[in-house]
Protein backbone atom coordinates (compact mmCIF):
# COMPACT_ATOMS: atom_id res chain seq x y z
CA MET A 1 118.82 156.78 18.83
CA ASN A 2 116.60 154.30 17.01
CA PRO A 3 113.19 155.71 15.97
CA THR A 4 111.76 152.19 15.74
CA ILE A 5 112.13 151.58 19.48
CA LEU A 6 109.37 152.55 21.89
CA THR A 7 110.40 152.87 25.52
CA MET A 8 107.90 153.41 28.30
CA LEU A 9 108.89 154.00 31.90
CA GLU A 10 106.17 153.61 34.48
CA GLU A 11 106.18 153.45 38.27
CA TRP A 12 103.46 151.67 40.22
CA VAL A 13 102.63 151.68 43.93
CA ASP A 14 102.49 147.90 44.00
CA GLU A 15 101.97 144.86 41.79
CA GLU A 16 98.19 144.97 42.31
CA ALA A 17 98.08 148.50 40.87
CA LEU A 18 100.11 147.35 37.86
CA ASN A 19 97.78 144.39 37.31
CA LEU A 20 94.72 146.67 37.47
CA HIS A 21 96.34 149.00 34.95
CA ASN A 22 97.10 146.10 32.61
CA LYS A 23 93.41 145.09 32.69
CA SER A 24 92.11 148.64 32.10
CA LYS A 25 90.05 149.46 29.02
CA HIS A 26 92.61 151.74 27.39
CA VAL A 27 95.47 149.26 27.84
CA MET A 28 93.37 146.39 26.51
CA LYS A 29 92.67 148.52 23.44
CA ILE A 30 96.15 149.88 22.67
CA VAL A 31 98.33 146.81 23.40
CA PRO A 32 96.97 144.75 20.47
CA GLU A 33 97.60 147.74 18.18
CA HIS A 34 101.20 148.03 19.38
CA ARG A 35 101.70 144.31 18.76
CA LYS A 36 100.84 144.82 15.09
CA LEU A 37 103.75 147.25 14.74
CA ARG A 38 106.54 145.32 16.40
CA GLU A 39 108.91 142.58 15.45
CA SER A 40 109.70 141.57 19.02
CA THR A 41 108.98 142.51 22.60
CA GLU A 42 111.18 143.05 25.61
CA ILE A 43 109.62 143.81 28.97
CA ASN A 44 111.79 144.53 32.00
CA LEU A 45 110.30 144.75 35.48
CA TYR A 46 112.43 146.27 38.20
CA ARG A 47 111.74 146.16 41.93
CA GLU A 48 113.21 148.49 44.49
CA VAL A 49 115.62 146.82 46.87
CA GLU A 50 115.11 147.97 50.43
């Protein structure tokens, strides 16, 4: 386990809900703060296969 890695798992009803979340006040505030602490970023989006 690496204490310098932050992993967040989130599930959204649809892409519109995710986009609304990403534009929310709390996300707009915390994301720039997280960027100050990191060396790199990796974002993985997964979609359910039906």
